[in-house]
Amino acid sequence: MTTPLYVLDLEEALMDGNSAMIWNEFLVEKGLVNDPSFLNEERRLMTLYVQGILNEEAYLTFVTRPLNNKTHQEVCALLEECIDRKVLSKIFPQVMRESWSSKTQDQPMVILSAVVSFVPACVAKRLNIPNAVGIELTEESGQYTTKILGLPNHPYGKFVGLKEWAKDYHSAFSQQQGCESINDLPHYELAGRPHLVNPHECLSTRSDSVPWCAVY
């Protein structure tokens, strides 16, 4: 017998916005970025992600520059401030309602993201979601590097990362997927009952025999 697993995307699904972009804007606000073109370049790269053609390694090399010489503890402190001040207010009200919490209470849940894992992990903690899967960076001497553990999470790394996570937990799940991006198509195909959350037009106009339900 399988157990329902709620797999939730973060960007544009649980929240009205992109946590990676908010994080980078926060780093600029904190004075950790000197390049005046940093945010414009970051937006250009995110456009490539939406189009499904982003070079993940080049993106990570670019966006982790502000964290050079920052210890793991310093990054965590900055991240918690960013989540509390900038991200939680962007969470869709449907997610914050007590009715949603009661429906999902005690259900296996995981946030699946193409963002560096420490971001969705912090958000998941605030939302009482016990698990998060993102891009895992290696650490050296207590600092993050740009080296990725495993596959990049775009576009198929998220699919592999989810399967690896499920295997590590030694569980058999029938997935109920809640995502919005065209880059999430591989895990939609894996899900037994896909649910669309603020879906990309290429997903919402998809027509075949699989019943996909739009949540909001």
N, C-alpha and C. Protein backbone atom coordinates (compact mmCIF):
# COMPACT_ATOMS: atom_id res chain seq x y z
N MET A 1 0.85 -1.20 0.00
CA MET A 1 0.00 0.00 0.00
C MET A 1 0.88 1.24 0.00
N THR A 2 0.54 2.19 -0.85
CA THR A 2 1.34 3.41 -0.94
C THR A 2 0.75 4.52 -0.08
N THR A 3 1.62 5.47 0.26
CA THR A 3 1.22 6.62 1.08
C THR A 3 1.27 7.87 0.21
N PRO A 4 0.23 8.72 0.26
CA PRO A 4 0.28 9.96 -0.52
C PRO A 4 1.45 10.84 -0.08
N LEU A 5 2.18 11.36 -1.04
CA LEU A 5 3.28 12.29 -0.77
C LEU A 5 2.96 13.61 -1.47
N TYR A 6 2.92 14.68 -0.70
CA TYR A 6 2.66 15.99 -1.27
C TYR A 6 4.00 16.64 -1.63
N VAL A 7 4.22 16.80 -2.94
CA VAL A 7 5.45 17.40 -3.46
C VAL A 7 5.12 18.81 -3.93
N LEU A 8 5.70 19.80 -3.29
CA LEU A 8 5.32 21.19 -3.53
C LEU A 8 6.50 21.99 -4.04
N ASP A 9 6.27 22.73 -5.13
CA ASP A 9 7.27 23.67 -5.58
C ASP A 9 7.17 24.92 -4.72
N LEU A 10 8.25 25.69 -4.67
CA LEU A 10 8.25 26.91 -3.86
C LEU A 10 7.93 28.12 -4.71
N GLU A 11 8.72 28.32 -5.75
CA GLU A 11 8.59 29.51 -6.60
C GLU A 11 7.27 29.52 -7.37
N GLU A 12 6.49 30.59 -7.21
CA GLU A 12 5.24 30.82 -7.94
C GLU A 12 4.18 29.76 -7.65
N ALA A 13 4.43 28.88 -6.68
CA ALA A 13 3.45 27.87 -6.33
C ALA A 13 3.03 28.02 -4.86
N LEU A 14 3.99 27.90 -3.95
CA LEU A 14 3.70 28.20 -2.55
C LEU A 14 3.78 29.70 -2.28
N MET A 15 4.54 30.41 -3.11
CA MET A 15 4.73 31.84 -2.87
C MET A 15 4.57 32.65 -4.15
N ASP A 16 4.20 33.90 -3.98
CA ASP A 16 4.03 34.81 -5.10
C ASP A 16 5.37 35.49 -5.36
N GLY A 17 6.23 34.79 -6.07
CA GLY A 17 7.56 35.32 -6.33
C GLY A 17 8.58 34.21 -6.42
N ASN A 18 9.83 34.60 -6.49
CA ASN A 18 10.94 33.67 -6.62
C ASN A 18 11.90 33.88 -5.46
N SER A 19 12.06 32.86 -4.64
CA SER A 19 12.86 33.00 -3.42
C SER A 19 14.33 33.29 -3.73
N ALA A 20 14.84 32.76 -4.83
CA ALA A 20 16.23 33.01 -5.20
C ALA A 20 16.44 34.49 -5.54
N MET A 21 15.50 35.07 -6.29
CA MET A 21 15.62 36.47 -6.66
C MET A 21 15.48 37.37 -5.43
N ILE A 22 14.56 37.01 -4.54
CA ILE A 22 14.39 37.78 -3.29
C ILE A 22 15.66 37.71 -2.45
N TRP A 23 16.25 36.54 -2.37
CA TRP A 23 17.49 36.33 -1.63
C TRP A 23 18.61 37.19 -2.20
N ASN A 24 18.74 37.22 -3.51
CA ASN A 24 19.80 38.01 -4.13
C ASN A 24 19.56 39.51 -3.95
N GLU A 25 18.31 39.94 -4.03
CA GLU A 25 17.99 41.35 -3.76
C GLU A 25 18.34 41.70 -2.31
N PHE A 26 18.10 40.78 -1.41
CA PHE A 26 18.42 40.98 0.00
C PHE A 26 19.92 41.14 0.20
N LEU A 27 20.71 40.33 -0.50
CA LEU A 27 22.17 40.42 -0.38
C LEU A 27 22.67 41.77 -0.88
N VAL A 28 22.04 42.28 -1.94
CA VAL A 28 22.39 43.62 -2.43
C VAL A 28 22.04 44.66 -1.38
N GLU A 29 20.86 44.54 -0.81
CA GLU A 29 20.40 45.47 0.24
C GLU A 29 21.35 45.48 1.43
N LYS A 30 21.92 44.32 1.76
CA LYS A 30 22.84 44.21 2.89
C LYS A 30 24.24 44.70 2.57
N GLY A 31 24.47 45.13 1.32
CA GLY A 31 25.77 45.65 0.95
C GLY A 31 26.81 44.60 0.64
N LEU A 32 26.36 43.39 0.32
CA LEU A 32 27.30 42.30 0.05
C LEU A 32 27.63 42.17 -1.44
N VAL A 33 27.04 43.04 -2.27
CA VAL A 33 27.28 43.01 -3.72
C VAL A 33 27.74 44.39 -4.17
N ASN A 34 28.86 44.43 -4.88
CA ASN A 34 29.39 45.70 -5.37
C ASN A 34 29.09 45.95 -6.84
N ASP A 35 28.76 44.90 -7.56
CA ASP A 35 28.51 45.01 -8.99
C ASP A 35 27.13 45.63 -9.24
N PRO A 36 27.03 46.82 -9.83
CA PRO A 36 25.73 47.47 -10.05
C PRO A 36 24.84 46.73 -11.05
N SER A 37 25.43 45.86 -11.86
CA SER A 37 24.64 45.11 -12.85
C SER A 37 24.23 43.73 -12.33
N PHE A 38 24.50 43.45 -11.08
CA PHE A 38 24.28 42.11 -10.52
C PHE A 38 22.82 41.66 -10.68
N LEU A 39 21.88 42.50 -10.26
CA LEU A 39 20.48 42.09 -10.29
C LEU A 39 19.95 41.97 -11.71
N ASN A 40 20.39 42.85 -12.59
CA ASN A 40 19.96 42.75 -13.99
C ASN A 40 20.45 41.46 -14.62
N GLU A 41 21.69 41.09 -14.32
CA GLU A 41 22.23 39.85 -14.86
C GLU A 41 21.51 38.65 -14.25
N GLU A 42 21.19 38.74 -12.97
CA GLU A 42 20.48 37.65 -12.31
C GLU A 42 19.10 37.45 -12.92
N ARG A 43 18.42 38.55 -13.24
CA ARG A 43 17.11 38.46 -13.87
C ARG A 43 17.22 37.85 -15.28
N ARG A 44 18.30 38.21 -15.99
CA ARG A 44 18.50 37.63 -17.32
C ARG A 44 18.68 36.12 -17.22
N LEU A 45 19.44 35.68 -16.24
CA LEU A 45 19.67 34.25 -16.06
C LEU A 45 18.39 33.53 -15.65
N MET A 46 17.57 34.18 -14.82
CA MET A 46 16.32 33.55 -14.42
C MET A 46 15.35 33.43 -15.59
N THR A 47 15.43 34.38 -16.53
CA THR A 47 14.62 34.27 -17.75
C THR A 47 15.02 33.03 -18.54
N LEU A 48 16.31 32.74 -18.57
CA LEU A 48 16.78 31.53 -19.24
C LEU A 48 16.26 30.28 -18.54
N TYR A 49 16.17 30.35 -17.20
CA TYR A 49 15.63 29.21 -16.45
C TYR A 49 14.17 28.95 -16.84
N VAL A 50 13.38 30.02 -16.90
CA VAL A 50 11.97 29.89 -17.26
C VAL A 50 11.84 29.28 -18.65
N GLN A 51 12.77 29.63 -19.53
CA GLN A 51 12.76 29.10 -20.90
C GLN A 51 13.30 27.68 -20.98
N GLY A 52 13.88 27.20 -19.86
CA GLY A 52 14.41 25.84 -19.84
C GLY A 52 15.79 25.68 -20.44
N ILE A 53 16.55 26.80 -20.53
CA ILE A 53 17.87 26.72 -21.19
C ILE A 53 18.99 27.27 -20.30
N LEU A 54 18.76 27.33 -19.00
CA LEU A 54 19.77 27.88 -18.09
C LEU A 54 20.92 26.91 -17.88
N ASN A 55 22.15 27.43 -17.88
CA ASN A 55 23.33 26.67 -17.46
C ASN A 55 23.44 26.84 -15.95
N GLU A 56 23.03 25.79 -15.23
CA GLU A 56 22.93 25.88 -13.77
C GLU A 56 24.26 26.17 -13.11
N GLU A 57 25.32 25.57 -13.59
CA GLU A 57 26.63 25.76 -12.97
C GLU A 57 27.11 27.20 -13.12
N ALA A 58 26.87 27.79 -14.30
CA ALA A 58 27.25 29.19 -14.52
C ALA A 58 26.43 30.10 -13.62
N TYR A 59 25.15 29.77 -13.46
CA TYR A 59 24.28 30.56 -12.59
C TYR A 59 24.77 30.51 -11.14
N LEU A 60 25.09 29.31 -10.66
CA LEU A 60 25.53 29.17 -9.28
C LEU A 60 26.84 29.90 -9.02
N THR A 61 27.76 29.81 -9.98
CA THR A 61 29.02 30.54 -9.85
C THR A 61 28.77 32.03 -9.69
N PHE A 62 27.80 32.53 -10.45
CA PHE A 62 27.49 33.96 -10.40
C PHE A 62 26.83 34.36 -9.09
N VAL A 63 25.79 33.64 -8.67
CA VAL A 63 24.98 34.09 -7.53
C VAL A 63 25.60 33.78 -6.18
N THR A 64 26.60 32.90 -6.14
CA THR A 64 27.24 32.61 -4.85
C THR A 64 28.42 33.53 -4.55
N ARG A 65 28.76 34.40 -5.48
CA ARG A 65 29.88 35.33 -5.24
C ARG A 65 29.70 36.16 -3.97
N PRO A 66 28.49 36.67 -3.69
CA PRO A 66 28.33 37.47 -2.48
C PRO A 66 28.61 36.69 -1.19
N LEU A 67 28.62 35.37 -1.27
CA LEU A 67 28.82 34.55 -0.08
C LEU A 67 30.28 34.15 0.12
N ASN A 68 31.14 34.62 -0.79
CA ASN A 68 32.57 34.33 -0.64
C ASN A 68 33.05 34.83 0.73
N ASN A 69 33.78 33.98 1.42
CA ASN A 69 34.35 34.31 2.73
C ASN A 69 33.31 34.37 3.84
N LYS A 70 32.07 33.97 3.55
CA LYS A 70 31.05 33.90 4.58
C LYS A 70 30.98 32.47 5.12
N THR A 71 30.98 32.33 6.43
CA THR A 71 30.89 31.00 7.03
C THR A 71 29.47 30.47 6.92
N HIS A 72 29.34 29.18 7.13
CA HIS A 72 28.02 28.55 7.11
C HIS A 72 27.09 29.24 8.11
N GLN A 73 27.59 29.56 9.30
CA GLN A 73 26.77 30.21 10.31
C GLN A 73 26.34 31.61 9.88
N GLU A 74 27.22 32.34 9.23
CA GLU A 74 26.88 33.68 8.78
C GLU A 74 25.82 33.64 7.68
N VAL A 75 25.93 32.67 6.78
CA VAL A 75 24.94 32.52 5.72
C VAL A 75 23.58 32.18 6.33
N CYS A 76 23.56 31.29 7.31
CA CYS A 76 22.30 30.90 7.95
C CYS A 76 21.63 32.09 8.63
N ALA A 77 22.42 32.93 9.29
CA ALA A 77 21.87 34.11 9.95
C ALA A 77 21.26 35.07 8.94
N LEU A 78 21.96 35.30 7.83
CA LEU A 78 21.44 36.16 6.77
C LEU A 78 20.16 35.58 6.18
N LEU A 79 20.17 34.28 5.97
CA LEU A 79 19.03 33.61 5.36
C LEU A 79 17.79 33.71 6.23
N GLU A 80 17.93 33.49 7.53
CA GLU A 80 16.79 33.56 8.43
C GLU A 80 16.20 34.97 8.45
N GLU A 81 17.06 35.98 8.41
CA GLU A 81 16.59 37.36 8.36
C GLU A 81 15.82 37.61 7.06
N CYS A 82 16.35 37.11 5.95
CA CYS A 82 15.71 37.29 4.64
C CYS A 82 14.35 36.60 4.60
N ILE A 83 14.27 35.38 5.08
CA ILE A 83 13.01 34.64 5.06
C ILE A 83 11.96 35.36 5.90
N ASP A 84 12.35 35.79 7.09
CA ASP A 84 11.40 36.45 7.99
C ASP A 84 10.95 37.80 7.45
N ARG A 85 11.86 38.56 6.86
CA ARG A 85 11.54 39.92 6.43
C ARG A 85 10.97 40.00 5.03
N LYS A 86 11.39 39.09 4.14
CA LYS A 86 11.08 39.24 2.72
C LYS A 86 10.23 38.14 2.11
N VAL A 87 10.35 36.93 2.62
CA VAL A 87 9.74 35.78 1.94
C VAL A 87 8.38 35.39 2.51
N LEU A 88 8.26 35.32 3.83
CA LEU A 88 7.02 34.83 4.43
C LEU A 88 5.81 35.65 4.02
N SER A 89 6.01 36.94 3.81
CA SER A 89 4.89 37.80 3.38
C SER A 89 4.45 37.48 1.95
N LYS A 90 5.27 36.74 1.21
CA LYS A 90 4.96 36.38 -0.18
C LYS A 90 4.25 35.03 -0.29
N ILE A 91 4.16 34.29 0.82
CA ILE A 91 3.50 32.99 0.77
C ILE A 91 2.02 33.20 0.47
N PHE A 92 1.50 32.42 -0.49
CA PHE A 92 0.10 32.56 -0.86
C PHE A 92 -0.80 32.33 0.35
N PRO A 93 -1.86 33.14 0.49
CA PRO A 93 -2.74 32.99 1.66
C PRO A 93 -3.38 31.62 1.76
N GLN A 94 -3.57 30.94 0.62
CA GLN A 94 -4.15 29.60 0.66
C GLN A 94 -3.29 28.65 1.48
N VAL A 95 -1.98 28.89 1.45
CA VAL A 95 -1.04 28.02 2.18
C VAL A 95 -1.07 28.32 3.66
N MET A 96 -1.34 29.57 4.02
CA MET A 96 -1.29 29.99 5.42
C MET A 96 -2.60 29.71 6.15
N ARG A 97 -3.66 29.39 5.40
CA ARG A 97 -4.95 29.17 6.05
C ARG A 97 -4.94 27.91 6.91
N GLU A 98 -5.70 27.97 7.99
CA GLU A 98 -5.77 26.84 8.91
C GLU A 98 -6.36 25.61 8.24
N SER A 99 -7.29 25.83 7.27
CA SER A 99 -7.92 24.70 6.59
C SER A 99 -6.89 23.89 5.80
N TRP A 100 -5.93 24.60 5.16
CA TRP A 100 -4.87 23.92 4.41
C TRP A 100 -3.98 23.14 5.36
N SER A 101 -3.64 23.74 6.50
CA SER A 101 -2.78 23.09 7.48
C SER A 101 -3.44 21.84 8.04
N SER A 102 -4.76 21.90 8.27
CA SER A 102 -5.45 20.74 8.83
C SER A 102 -5.51 19.59 7.84
N LYS A 103 -5.63 19.93 6.54
CA LYS A 103 -5.68 18.90 5.51
C LYS A 103 -4.36 18.18 5.36
N THR A 104 -3.27 18.91 5.55
CA THR A 104 -1.95 18.34 5.30
C THR A 104 -1.25 17.88 6.58
N GLN A 105 -1.89 18.07 7.71
CA GLN A 105 -1.27 17.70 8.98
C GLN A 105 -0.94 16.21 8.99
N ASP A 106 0.28 15.92 9.40
CA ASP A 106 0.78 14.54 9.52
C ASP A 106 0.93 13.84 8.17
N GLN A 107 0.78 14.55 7.05
CA GLN A 107 0.99 13.96 5.74
C GLN A 107 2.46 14.13 5.33
N PRO A 108 3.06 13.12 4.68
CA PRO A 108 4.42 13.29 4.16
C PRO A 108 4.46 14.41 3.13
N MET A 109 5.34 15.38 3.34
CA MET A 109 5.41 16.53 2.45
C MET A 109 6.86 16.89 2.19
N VAL A 110 7.12 17.42 1.01
CA VAL A 110 8.47 17.86 0.67
C VAL A 110 8.37 19.04 -0.30
N ILE A 111 9.19 20.06 -0.05
CA ILE A 111 9.34 21.15 -1.00
C ILE A 111 10.45 20.78 -1.95
N LEU A 112 10.15 20.82 -3.24
CA LEU A 112 11.12 20.48 -4.29
C LEU A 112 11.45 21.76 -5.04
N SER A 113 12.74 22.12 -5.07
CA SER A 113 13.11 23.42 -5.63
C SER A 113 14.38 23.33 -6.44
N ALA A 114 14.50 24.23 -7.42
CA ALA A 114 15.73 24.35 -8.21
C ALA A 114 16.65 25.41 -7.62
N VAL A 115 16.37 25.81 -6.39
CA VAL A 115 17.17 26.81 -5.67
C VAL A 115 18.17 26.10 -4.77
N VAL A 116 19.26 26.77 -4.44
CA VAL A 116 20.22 26.21 -3.49
C VAL A 116 19.48 25.76 -2.24
N SER A 117 19.74 24.57 -1.78
CA SER A 117 18.88 23.88 -0.81
C SER A 117 18.67 24.63 0.50
N PHE A 118 19.64 25.47 0.92
CA PHE A 118 19.44 26.12 2.21
C PHE A 118 18.28 27.12 2.20
N VAL A 119 17.88 27.59 1.01
CA VAL A 119 16.74 28.52 0.93
C VAL A 119 15.42 27.78 1.15
N PRO A 120 15.07 26.77 0.33
CA PRO A 120 13.80 26.08 0.59
C PRO A 120 13.76 25.37 1.93
N ALA A 121 14.91 24.93 2.43
CA ALA A 121 14.93 24.27 3.74
C ALA A 121 14.49 25.23 4.84
N CYS A 122 14.93 26.48 4.76
CA CYS A 122 14.56 27.47 5.76
C CYS A 122 13.08 27.82 5.65
N VAL A 123 12.57 27.95 4.43
CA VAL A 123 11.15 28.23 4.23
C VAL A 123 10.31 27.06 4.74
N ALA A 124 10.72 25.85 4.41
CA ALA A 124 9.99 24.66 4.84
C ALA A 124 9.88 24.61 6.35
N LYS A 125 10.95 24.96 7.04
CA LYS A 125 10.95 24.96 8.50
C LYS A 125 9.90 25.94 9.02
N ARG A 126 9.81 27.13 8.39
CA ARG A 126 8.85 28.14 8.84
C ARG A 126 7.41 27.69 8.58
N LEU A 127 7.20 26.87 7.54
CA LEU A 127 5.86 26.42 7.17
C LEU A 127 5.52 25.07 7.80
N ASN A 128 6.41 24.57 8.65
CA ASN A 128 6.21 23.27 9.29
C ASN A 128 6.11 22.13 8.28
N ILE A 129 6.83 22.29 7.18
CA ILE A 129 6.96 21.21 6.20
C ILE A 129 8.30 20.52 6.48
N PRO A 130 8.29 19.24 6.78
CA PRO A 130 9.48 18.60 7.34
C PRO A 130 10.65 18.37 6.39
N ASN A 131 10.41 18.44 5.08
CA ASN A 131 11.46 18.07 4.13
C ASN A 131 11.58 19.09 3.00
N ALA A 132 12.79 19.25 2.50
CA ALA A 132 13.04 20.12 1.35
C ALA A 132 14.18 19.54 0.54
N VAL A 133 14.03 19.58 -0.79
CA VAL A 133 15.05 19.10 -1.71
C VAL A 133 15.42 20.24 -2.64
N GLY A 134 16.69 20.58 -2.70
CA GLY A 134 17.16 21.63 -3.59
C GLY A 134 18.55 21.30 -4.10
N ILE A 135 19.23 22.31 -4.60
CA ILE A 135 20.60 22.11 -5.08
C ILE A 135 21.54 22.05 -3.88
N GLU A 136 22.23 20.96 -3.76
CA GLU A 136 23.16 20.78 -2.64
C GLU A 136 24.55 21.23 -3.05
N LEU A 137 25.08 22.19 -2.33
CA LEU A 137 26.45 22.66 -2.57
C LEU A 137 27.40 22.01 -1.58
N THR A 138 28.61 21.72 -2.03
CA THR A 138 29.61 21.20 -1.13
C THR A 138 30.12 22.33 -0.22
N GLU A 139 30.72 21.94 0.89
CA GLU A 139 31.31 22.90 1.81
C GLU A 139 32.79 22.58 2.00
N GLU A 140 33.57 23.62 2.11
CA GLU A 140 35.00 23.47 2.39
C GLU A 140 35.38 24.48 3.46
N SER A 141 35.98 24.00 4.52
CA SER A 141 36.43 24.87 5.63
C SER A 141 35.28 25.72 6.17
N GLY A 142 34.09 25.12 6.26
CA GLY A 142 32.96 25.81 6.83
C GLY A 142 32.31 26.83 5.94
N GLN A 143 32.64 26.82 4.62
CA GLN A 143 32.06 27.76 3.68
C GLN A 143 31.49 27.01 2.48
N TYR A 144 30.44 27.60 1.89
CA TYR A 144 29.85 26.99 0.70
C TYR A 144 30.74 27.21 -0.51
N THR A 145 30.77 26.22 -1.39
CA THR A 145 31.47 26.34 -2.67
C THR A 145 30.42 26.37 -3.78
N THR A 146 30.87 26.48 -5.03
CA THR A 146 29.94 26.42 -6.17
C THR A 146 29.83 25.01 -6.74
N LYS A 147 30.47 24.05 -6.08
CA LYS A 147 30.43 22.68 -6.55
C LYS A 147 29.13 22.01 -6.12
N ILE A 148 28.46 21.37 -7.07
CA ILE A 148 27.16 20.75 -6.81
C ILE A 148 27.34 19.29 -6.43
N LEU A 149 26.62 18.88 -5.38
CA LEU A 149 26.54 17.47 -5.03
C LEU A 149 25.44 16.83 -5.87
N GLY A 150 25.79 15.87 -6.71
CA GLY A 150 24.80 15.24 -7.56
C GLY A 150 24.52 16.06 -8.81
N LEU A 151 23.30 15.93 -9.32
CA LEU A 151 22.90 16.62 -10.54
C LEU A 151 22.38 18.03 -10.22
N PRO A 152 22.60 18.99 -11.14
CA PRO A 152 21.88 20.26 -11.00
C PRO A 152 20.38 20.00 -11.03
N ASN A 153 19.60 20.84 -10.34
CA ASN A 153 18.17 20.59 -10.24
C ASN A 153 17.36 21.12 -11.42
N HIS A 154 18.06 21.48 -12.51
CA HIS A 154 17.36 21.97 -13.70
C HIS A 154 17.91 21.28 -14.93
N PRO A 155 17.06 20.72 -15.81
CA PRO A 155 15.64 20.55 -15.58
C PRO A 155 15.28 19.18 -14.98
N TYR A 156 16.19 18.19 -15.13
CA TYR A 156 15.84 16.83 -14.71
C TYR A 156 16.44 16.45 -13.36
N GLY A 157 17.31 17.30 -12.82
CA GLY A 157 17.90 16.99 -11.53
C GLY A 157 16.88 16.96 -10.42
N LYS A 158 15.83 17.78 -10.51
CA LYS A 158 14.78 17.77 -9.50
C LYS A 158 14.08 16.41 -9.50
N PHE A 159 13.86 15.88 -10.68
CA PHE A 159 13.23 14.57 -10.82
C PHE A 159 14.08 13.50 -10.15
N VAL A 160 15.39 13.52 -10.45
CA VAL A 160 16.30 12.54 -9.85
C VAL A 160 16.43 12.77 -8.35
N GLY A 161 16.52 14.06 -7.95
CA GLY A 161 16.65 14.38 -6.53
C GLY A 161 15.46 13.89 -5.72
N LEU A 162 14.27 14.01 -6.27
CA LEU A 162 13.08 13.53 -5.58
C LEU A 162 13.11 12.02 -5.42
N LYS A 163 13.48 11.31 -6.49
CA LYS A 163 13.54 9.85 -6.42
C LYS A 163 14.60 9.40 -5.41
N GLU A 164 15.74 10.11 -5.38
CA GLU A 164 16.78 9.78 -4.42
C GLU A 164 16.31 10.03 -2.99
N TRP A 165 15.60 11.16 -2.81
CA TRP A 165 15.09 11.47 -1.47
C TRP A 165 14.13 10.38 -1.00
N ALA A 166 13.20 9.97 -1.88
CA ALA A 166 12.23 8.94 -1.53
C ALA A 166 12.93 7.63 -1.20
N LYS A 167 13.98 7.32 -1.95
CA LYS A 167 14.72 6.08 -1.71
C LYS A 167 15.43 6.13 -0.37
N ASP A 168 16.01 7.29 -0.05
CA ASP A 168 16.70 7.44 1.23
C ASP A 168 15.75 7.26 2.41
N TYR A 169 14.48 7.63 2.20
CA TYR A 169 13.51 7.49 3.28
C TYR A 169 12.83 6.11 3.27
N HIS A 170 13.24 5.27 2.32
CA HIS A 170 12.75 3.89 2.27
C HIS A 170 11.23 3.83 2.28
N SER A 171 10.61 4.72 1.51
CA SER A 171 9.15 4.81 1.52
C SER A 171 8.58 4.61 0.12
N ALA A 172 7.37 4.08 0.07
CA ALA A 172 6.65 3.95 -1.19
C ALA A 172 5.53 4.98 -1.20
N PHE A 173 5.62 5.92 -2.13
CA PHE A 173 4.66 7.02 -2.16
C PHE A 173 3.88 7.01 -3.47
N SER A 174 2.61 7.43 -3.38
CA SER A 174 1.86 7.79 -4.58
C SER A 174 1.81 9.31 -4.58
N GLN A 175 2.51 9.93 -5.50
CA GLN A 175 2.73 11.36 -5.41
C GLN A 175 1.51 12.18 -5.82
N GLN A 176 1.33 13.30 -5.12
CA GLN A 176 0.40 14.34 -5.52
C GLN A 176 1.23 15.60 -5.69
N GLN A 177 1.51 15.92 -6.93
CA GLN A 177 2.46 16.99 -7.25
C GLN A 177 1.77 18.33 -7.33
N GLY A 178 2.37 19.35 -6.72
CA GLY A 178 1.83 20.70 -6.82
C GLY A 178 2.89 21.67 -7.28
N CYS A 179 2.97 21.94 -8.57
CA CYS A 179 4.01 22.80 -9.13
C CYS A 179 3.43 23.67 -10.24
N GLU A 180 4.29 24.57 -10.79
CA GLU A 180 3.79 25.49 -11.80
C GLU A 180 4.65 25.58 -13.04
N SER A 181 5.90 25.16 -12.97
CA SER A 181 6.86 25.45 -14.02
C SER A 181 6.90 24.36 -15.08
N ILE A 182 7.16 24.78 -16.33
CA ILE A 182 7.35 23.81 -17.40
C ILE A 182 8.56 22.93 -17.13
N ASN A 183 9.50 23.44 -16.32
CA ASN A 183 10.67 22.64 -15.95
C ASN A 183 10.32 21.49 -15.01
N ASP A 184 9.09 21.51 -14.46
CA ASP A 184 8.66 20.46 -13.55
C ASP A 184 7.94 19.32 -14.25
N LEU A 185 7.86 19.37 -15.57
CA LEU A 185 7.13 18.35 -16.32
C LEU A 185 7.58 16.93 -16.00
N PRO A 186 8.90 16.64 -15.84
CA PRO A 186 9.30 15.26 -15.54
C PRO A 186 8.67 14.70 -14.27
N HIS A 187 8.52 15.52 -13.21
CA HIS A 187 7.94 14.97 -11.98
C HIS A 187 6.43 14.95 -12.04
N TYR A 188 5.82 15.80 -12.88
CA TYR A 188 4.39 15.66 -13.13
C TYR A 188 4.10 14.28 -13.70
N GLU A 189 4.96 13.85 -14.62
CA GLU A 189 4.75 12.55 -15.23
C GLU A 189 4.92 11.43 -14.21
N LEU A 190 5.73 11.68 -13.18
CA LEU A 190 5.94 10.68 -12.13
C LEU A 190 4.76 10.62 -11.17
N ALA A 191 4.06 11.75 -11.01
CA ALA A 191 2.98 11.83 -10.03
C ALA A 191 1.76 11.03 -10.46
N GLY A 192 1.12 10.40 -9.47
CA GLY A 192 -0.11 9.68 -9.77
C GLY A 192 -1.28 10.62 -9.95
N ARG A 193 -1.30 11.71 -9.16
CA ARG A 193 -2.40 12.67 -9.24
C ARG A 193 -1.81 14.08 -9.27
N PRO A 194 -1.37 14.55 -10.44
CA PRO A 194 -0.78 15.88 -10.52
C PRO A 194 -1.81 16.97 -10.27
N HIS A 195 -1.41 17.98 -9.50
CA HIS A 195 -2.24 19.16 -9.28
C HIS A 195 -1.43 20.38 -9.70
N LEU A 196 -2.04 21.24 -10.50
CA LEU A 196 -1.37 22.43 -10.99
C LEU A 196 -1.59 23.58 -10.01
N VAL A 197 -0.51 24.28 -9.69
CA VAL A 197 -0.59 25.45 -8.81
C VAL A 197 -0.02 26.64 -9.56
N ASN A 198 -0.89 27.62 -9.89
CA ASN A 198 -0.47 28.78 -10.66
C ASN A 198 0.32 28.32 -11.88
N PRO A 199 -0.26 27.51 -12.76
CA PRO A 199 0.52 26.78 -13.77
C PRO A 199 1.04 27.63 -14.92
N HIS A 200 2.20 27.23 -15.44
CA HIS A 200 2.74 27.77 -16.68
C HIS A 200 1.73 27.45 -17.79
N GLU A 201 1.59 28.35 -18.76
CA GLU A 201 0.58 28.18 -19.81
C GLU A 201 0.76 26.88 -20.59
N CYS A 202 2.00 26.43 -20.72
CA CYS A 202 2.25 25.18 -21.45
C CYS A 202 1.72 23.97 -20.68
N LEU A 203 1.57 24.13 -19.36
CA LEU A 203 1.00 23.04 -18.56
C LEU A 203 -0.51 23.14 -18.51
N SER A 204 -1.03 24.36 -18.34
CA SER A 204 -2.48 24.52 -18.20
C SER A 204 -3.22 24.23 -19.49
N THR A 205 -2.54 24.33 -20.64
CA THR A 205 -3.20 24.06 -21.92
C THR A 205 -2.92 22.66 -22.42
N ARG A 206 -2.20 21.87 -21.63
CA ARG A 206 -1.85 20.51 -22.02
C ARG A 206 -3.13 19.68 -22.16
N SER A 207 -3.23 18.92 -23.22
CA SER A 207 -4.43 18.11 -23.44
C SER A 207 -4.06 16.67 -23.74
N ASP A 208 -4.37 15.81 -22.80
CA ASP A 208 -4.24 14.37 -23.02
C ASP A 208 -5.17 13.67 -22.05
N SER A 209 -4.97 12.37 -21.88
CA SER A 209 -5.92 11.59 -21.08
C SER A 209 -5.67 11.71 -19.59
N VAL A 210 -4.54 12.30 -19.16
CA VAL A 210 -4.22 12.37 -17.74
C VAL A 210 -4.97 13.54 -17.11
N PRO A 211 -5.80 13.31 -16.08
CA PRO A 211 -6.55 14.40 -15.46
C PRO A 211 -5.67 15.22 -14.52
N TRP A 212 -5.37 16.44 -14.92
CA TRP A 212 -4.58 17.33 -14.07
C TRP A 212 -5.50 18.39 -13.52
N CYS A 213 -5.42 18.60 -12.23
CA CYS A 213 -6.33 19.51 -11.54
C CYS A 213 -5.61 20.80 -11.17
N ALA A 214 -6.18 21.96 -11.52
CA ALA A 214 -5.63 23.26 -11.13
C ALA A 214 -6.15 23.62 -9.75
N VAL A 215 -5.23 23.85 -8.82
CA VAL A 215 -5.61 24.16 -7.43
C VAL A 215 -5.91 25.63 -7.29
N TYR A 216 -4.96 26.48 -7.75
CA TYR A 216 -5.19 27.93 -7.80
C TYR A 216 -4.16 28.54 -8.71
